[in-house]
C-alpha cells in the first residue's frame, strides 16, 4: 500500500529563500510537524551554491560571480560548487528512522536516487547507476578534483550515455536526512568555469574538457527540447513509483512561514556565506 508523503513545488525564488526552505522543512520533519516531504524548486537569479565545507576565497572568483549577476549562497550540505541556472532542483526530507531508509549515507542515497532514476526513464532516457566495482575505481572517489560539483564521480551516480546527469548532496541533522540536487536541463560550461579559481589557464582548460566528458544536461542528449514542467511531471512520477508514494500538497502554517523568513536572514549573512 502506497505511503503518503508531502509534496511542495515552491517555484522560482532567490538563493536565500531556497536554502532557508530546505532547512525549515528539515526542522518541521524533525519536530514531527509534517510527514516526509519532496520539494521541487528553481532559482532566480541563477545562483552559484557552494558546499558547507568549501573554502570560498580559495575556490571561487567572487567578483566574477557578481559581475555575471549570479547569486551566491552556501548550502547546508557538503560537496562542491553548483551553478543553478537551467535546472530543476529537488529536495527529499525524511526521518533517518524511516523504515525505507538504510542507516548508511551511501545506501540511503541510492534509495532516494531511485526516484531520479525512474524520472529519467519517464523522460525516455536509458539511465543507470554508476557503481565503482574495482579498487582503482573506488580510489578515484578519494582523489581531489576541481571545486566544480559535476567534475567528480561518486557512489550511485546517475549516468546517461556514460556521463553524469544529476548531482546530489546529503546531510543528516536532528534525526533527519536532507538530500537535494540538480537535474540539469541545460548547462553553459564556459560560464560555469569562469567563476572558479584555477592555478593556471591550462588547468582550467583541462578541467573544462574533463567536465564536458563526464557531465551532460538533459537537452544535450534529448531528441527534442524538454521543458522544466515536463521534468517536474516526470520526476514527481519517478519518486512516486520508486518509493511507492502518494503525494499530498503541503501548505505551511503562518508560524512555519515565519520560521522560513527567519532562516532567510541566516543564508543572506556574510557570517554564513563567507565564513570559510
Protein backbone atom coordinates (compact mmCIF):
# COMPACT_ATOMS: atom_id res chain seq x y z
CA UNK A 1 0.00 0.00 0.00
CA UNK A 2 1.37 3.40 -1.01
CA UNK A 3 2.58 5.71 1.74
CA UNK A 4 1.51 9.37 1.73
CA UNK A 5 4.26 12.00 1.73
CA UNK A 6 4.02 15.75 1.42
CA UNK A 7 4.86 17.44 -1.87
CA UNK A 8 5.60 21.13 -2.43
CA UNK A 9 6.73 22.97 -5.54
CA UNK A 10 7.92 26.38 -4.37
CA UNK A 11 8.68 27.58 -7.90
CA UNK A 12 11.35 30.17 -8.64
CA UNK A 13 12.92 32.04 -5.71
CA UNK A 14 16.17 33.65 -4.66
CA UNK A 15 19.01 31.53 -3.19
CA UNK A 16 18.39 32.57 0.41
CA UNK A 17 14.75 31.53 0.30
CA UNK A 18 15.64 28.26 -1.41
CA UNK A 19 18.17 27.22 1.21
CA UNK A 20 16.04 28.53 4.09
CA UNK A 21 13.07 26.47 2.92
CA UNK A 22 15.12 23.27 2.78
CA UNK A 23 16.41 23.84 6.32
CA UNK A 24 12.96 24.77 7.61
CA UNK A 25 11.43 21.62 6.12
CA UNK A 26 14.15 19.60 7.85
CA UNK A 27 13.16 21.27 11.14
CA UNK A 28 9.45 20.59 10.60
CA UNK A 29 10.10 16.91 9.87
CA UNK A 30 12.47 16.67 12.86
CA UNK A 31 9.81 18.04 15.20
CA UNK A 32 7.17 15.69 13.80
CA UNK A 33 5.06 18.57 12.46
CA UNK A 34 4.90 17.16 8.95
CA UNK A 35 5.34 13.82 7.20
CA UNK A 36 8.36 13.28 4.90
CA UNK A 37 8.37 15.79 2.07
CA UNK A 38 9.60 16.08 -1.51
CA UNK A 39 10.15 19.58 -2.83
CA UNK A 40 10.86 20.96 -6.32
CA UNK A 41 12.20 24.45 -6.99
CA UNK A 42 14.13 26.70 -9.37
CA UNK A 43 16.37 29.76 -8.91
CA UNK A 44 16.01 33.47 -9.67
CA UNK A 45 18.59 34.82 -10.12
CA UNK A 46 20.70 31.91 -11.35
CA UNK A 47 22.98 31.11 -8.42
CA UNK A 48 26.29 29.53 -7.57
CA UNK A 49 25.85 27.43 -4.44
CA UNK A 50 28.93 26.24 -2.57
CA UNK A 51 29.26 23.26 -0.26
CA UNK A 52 29.14 23.62 3.52
CA UNK A 53 32.85 22.85 3.90
CA UNK A 54 34.05 24.61 0.75
CA UNK A 55 36.62 27.39 1.11
CA UNK A 56 35.05 30.22 -0.82
CA UNK A 57 38.06 32.53 -1.07
CA UNK A 58 40.28 29.70 -2.28
CA UNK A 59 37.86 28.18 -4.80
CA UNK A 60 35.56 30.94 -6.05
CA UNK A 61 36.15 34.13 -8.04
CA UNK A 62 33.61 36.16 -6.06
CA UNK A 63 33.97 39.27 -8.22
CA UNK A 64 33.28 37.24 -11.35
CA UNK A 65 30.11 35.82 -9.78
CA UNK A 66 28.89 39.35 -9.01
CA UNK A 67 29.92 40.62 -12.44
CA UNK A 68 27.77 37.96 -14.10
CA UNK A 69 24.79 38.87 -11.91
CA UNK A 70 24.60 35.46 -10.27
CA UNK A 71 23.51 34.85 -6.71
CA UNK A 72 25.90 33.20 -4.24
CA UNK A 73 24.95 31.08 -1.24
CA UNK A 74 26.49 28.39 0.95
CA UNK A 75 24.49 25.17 1.25
CA UNK A 76 23.97 23.19 4.43
CA UNK A 77 25.11 20.11 2.53
CA UNK A 78 28.68 19.26 1.57
CA UNK A 79 30.14 18.85 -1.88
CA UNK A 80 31.40 21.27 -4.49
CA UNK A 81 30.16 24.34 -6.30
CA UNK A 82 26.99 24.08 -8.39
CA UNK A 83 25.62 26.64 -10.84
CA UNK A 84 21.83 26.57 -10.51
CA UNK A 85 20.54 28.02 -13.75
CA UNK A 86 18.61 25.98 -16.28
CA UNK A 87 17.71 23.12 -13.98
CA UNK A 88 15.09 21.60 -11.71
CA UNK A 89 16.27 21.27 -8.13
CA UNK A 90 14.75 18.64 -5.85
CA UNK A 91 14.86 18.02 -2.10
CA UNK A 92 13.88 14.92 -0.16
CA UNK A 93 13.47 15.32 3.60
CA UNK A 94 12.76 12.15 5.58
CA UNK A 95 13.49 10.88 9.13
CA UNK A 96 16.60 8.72 9.48
CA UNK A 97 14.38 6.25 11.35
CA UNK A 98 12.04 5.78 8.37
CA UNK A 99 11.78 2.04 7.63
CA UNK A 100 12.70 2.57 3.97
CA UNK A 101 15.90 4.48 4.80
CA UNK A 102 19.14 2.48 5.21
CA UNK A 103 21.43 3.60 8.02
CA UNK A 104 24.42 4.37 5.78
CA UNK A 105 24.61 7.59 3.77
CA UNK A 106 25.58 5.74 0.59
CA UNK A 107 22.70 3.29 0.70
CA UNK A 108 20.15 5.95 1.64
CA UNK A 109 21.46 8.00 -1.30
CA UNK A 110 20.78 5.02 -3.56
CA UNK A 111 17.21 4.53 -2.29
CA UNK A 112 16.30 8.20 -2.71
CA UNK A 113 18.03 8.40 -6.09
CA UNK A 114 15.87 5.54 -7.38
CA UNK A 115 13.22 8.26 -7.74
CA UNK A 116 15.53 10.22 -10.01
CA UNK A 117 16.36 7.10 -12.00
CA UNK A 118 12.66 6.47 -12.64
CA UNK A 119 12.21 10.13 -13.57
CA UNK A 120 14.90 9.94 -16.25
CA UNK A 121 13.33 6.74 -17.57
CA UNK A 122 9.97 8.54 -17.65
CA UNK A 123 11.62 11.14 -19.94
CA UNK A 124 12.81 8.34 -22.22
CA UNK A 125 16.47 8.13 -21.15
CA UNK A 126 18.40 4.92 -20.61
CA UNK A 127 19.70 5.98 -17.18
CA UNK A 128 21.55 3.78 -14.71
CA UNK A 129 23.61 3.97 -11.54
CA UNK A 130 27.39 4.03 -11.89
CA UNK A 131 28.86 1.87 -9.14
CA UNK A 132 32.64 1.71 -8.66
CA UNK A 133 33.41 -2.01 -8.65
CA UNK A 134 37.19 -2.18 -8.75
CA UNK A 135 39.71 -0.99 -6.17
CA UNK A 136 41.03 1.53 -8.72
CA UNK A 137 37.56 2.97 -9.28
CA UNK A 138 36.99 3.28 -5.54
CA UNK A 139 40.33 5.03 -5.10
CA UNK A 140 39.26 7.56 -7.76
CA UNK A 141 36.45 8.68 -5.47
CA UNK A 142 39.00 9.74 -2.84
CA UNK A 143 41.16 11.81 -5.16
CA UNK A 144 40.84 15.60 -5.19
CA UNK A 145 39.07 17.05 -8.19
CA UNK A 146 38.22 20.62 -9.04
CA UNK A 147 35.83 22.72 -6.97
CA UNK A 148 33.10 22.08 -9.57
CA UNK A 149 30.44 19.62 -8.46
CA UNK A 150 29.85 17.67 -11.67
CA UNK A 151 33.57 17.09 -12.15
CA UNK A 152 33.76 14.25 -9.61
CA UNK A 153 32.34 10.72 -9.69
CA UNK A 154 30.62 9.29 -6.64
CA UNK A 155 28.73 6.22 -5.49
CA UNK A 156 25.42 5.55 -7.27
CA UNK A 157 25.86 8.46 -9.65
CA UNK A 158 23.13 8.72 -12.26
CA UNK A 159 24.57 8.23 -15.72
CA UNK A 160 23.16 8.50 -19.23
CA UNK A 161 25.31 7.59 -22.24
CA UNK A 162 28.31 7.30 -19.93
CA UNK A 163 28.02 10.83 -18.49
CA UNK A 164 26.79 12.13 -15.14
CA UNK A 165 23.34 13.72 -15.44
CA UNK A 166 22.43 14.60 -11.84
CA UNK A 167 24.41 15.95 -8.90
CA UNK A 168 23.17 15.44 -5.35
CA UNK A 169 24.33 16.04 -1.79
CA UNK A 170 23.07 14.75 1.54
CA UNK A 171 23.22 15.87 5.16
CA UNK A 172 21.85 14.31 8.35
CA UNK A 173 20.79 16.64 11.14
CA UNK A 174 18.34 16.39 14.04
CA UNK A 175 17.49 12.79 13.12
CA UNK A 176 16.53 13.77 9.57
CA UNK A 177 18.02 13.10 6.12
CA UNK A 178 18.06 16.02 3.69
CA UNK A 179 19.11 15.14 0.17
CA UNK A 180 18.92 17.75 -2.56
CA UNK A 181 20.34 18.02 -6.02
CA UNK A 182 20.41 19.49 -9.51
CA UNK A 183 18.70 17.98 -12.52
CA UNK A 184 20.31 19.85 -15.41
CA UNK A 185 18.09 20.98 -18.25
CA UNK A 186 20.94 22.85 -19.98
CA UNK A 187 24.42 23.96 -18.90
CA UNK A 188 26.81 26.70 -20.04
CA UNK A 189 30.21 25.17 -19.31
CA UNK A 190 32.22 28.31 -20.15
CA UNK A 191 30.13 30.45 -17.82
CA UNK A 192 30.43 27.89 -15.04
CA UNK A 193 34.22 27.58 -15.17
CA UNK A 194 34.68 31.35 -15.33
CA UNK A 195 33.62 31.55 -11.67
CA UNK A 196 36.16 29.12 -10.23
CA UNK A 197 39.78 29.80 -9.42
CA UNK A 198 42.49 27.66 -11.01
CA UNK A 199 46.26 27.82 -10.59
CA UNK A 200 46.68 28.48 -14.31
CA UNK A 201 44.67 28.54 -17.54
CA UNK A 202 45.96 25.15 -18.70
CA UNK A 203 44.44 23.52 -15.64
CA UNK A 204 41.15 25.34 -16.23
CA UNK A 205 41.04 24.12 -19.83
CA UNK A 206 41.90 20.57 -18.77
CA UNK A 207 39.17 20.56 -16.11
CA UNK A 208 36.66 22.07 -18.52
CA UNK A 209 37.35 19.32 -21.06
CA UNK A 210 37.12 16.72 -18.33
CA UNK A 211 33.78 18.15 -17.18
CA UNK A 212 32.36 18.02 -20.71
CA UNK A 213 33.47 14.39 -20.99
CA UNK A 214 31.91 13.42 -17.65
CA UNK A 215 28.76 15.52 -17.34
CA UNK A 216 25.76 16.18 -19.53
CA UNK A 217 22.47 18.09 -19.39
CA UNK A 218 19.13 16.65 -20.43
CA UNK A 219 18.82 18.79 -23.56
CA UNK A 220 22.34 17.86 -24.70
CA UNK A 221 21.12 14.35 -25.38
CA UNK A 222 17.35 14.65 -25.79
CA UNK A 223 15.92 14.34 -29.29
CA UNK A 224 13.65 17.34 -28.54
CA UNK A 225 13.63 20.27 -26.11
CA UNK A 226 12.43 19.12 -22.68
CA UNK A 227 10.80 21.82 -20.54
CA UNK A 228 11.03 22.32 -16.80
CA UNK A 229 7.33 21.48 -16.44
CA UNK A 230 7.91 18.16 -18.25
CA UNK A 231 10.80 17.48 -15.87
CA UNK A 232 8.60 18.28 -12.86
CA UNK A 233 5.96 15.85 -14.06
CA UNK A 234 8.48 13.10 -14.84
CA UNK A 235 10.39 13.29 -11.55
CA UNK A 236 7.22 13.53 -9.46
CA UNK A 237 6.06 10.32 -11.14
CA UNK A 238 9.55 8.85 -10.66
CA UNK A 239 9.57 9.39 -6.90
CA UNK A 240 6.02 8.07 -6.58
CA UNK A 241 6.89 4.90 -8.45
CA UNK A 242 10.30 4.22 -6.90
CA UNK A 243 9.30 4.90 -3.29
CA UNK A 244 5.67 3.71 -3.65
CA UNK A 245 4.23 7.08 -2.66
CA UNK A 246 1.12 9.16 -2.95
CA UNK A 247 1.53 12.92 -2.60
CA UNK A 248 -0.49 15.36 -0.56
CA UNK A 249 0.11 19.09 -1.14
CA UNK A 250 1.98 20.82 1.68
CA UNK A 251 0.84 24.25 2.82
CA UNK A 252 2.85 25.97 5.53
CA UNK A 253 1.25 27.47 8.60
CA UNK A 254 1.90 31.11 9.46
CA UNK A 255 4.35 30.02 12.18
CA UNK A 256 6.20 27.77 9.74
CA UNK A 257 6.41 30.55 7.15
CA UNK A 258 7.80 32.86 9.84
CA UNK A 259 10.49 30.27 10.56
CA UNK A 260 11.44 30.23 6.87
CA UNK A 261 11.67 34.04 6.93
CA UNK A 262 13.98 33.95 9.95
CA UNK A 263 16.25 31.41 8.24
CA UNK A 264 16.41 33.59 5.12
CA UNK A 265 18.36 36.14 7.17
CA UNK A 266 20.87 33.43 8.12
CA UNK A 267 21.50 32.48 4.49
CA UNK A 268 21.81 36.14 3.47
CA UNK A 269 24.50 36.80 6.06
CA UNK A 270 28.20 37.16 5.32
CA UNK A 271 28.85 35.19 8.53
CA UNK A 272 27.28 32.17 6.88
CA UNK A 273 28.40 32.56 3.28
CA UNK A 274 31.99 33.78 3.77
CA UNK A 275 32.94 32.02 6.98
CA UNK A 276 35.43 29.64 5.28
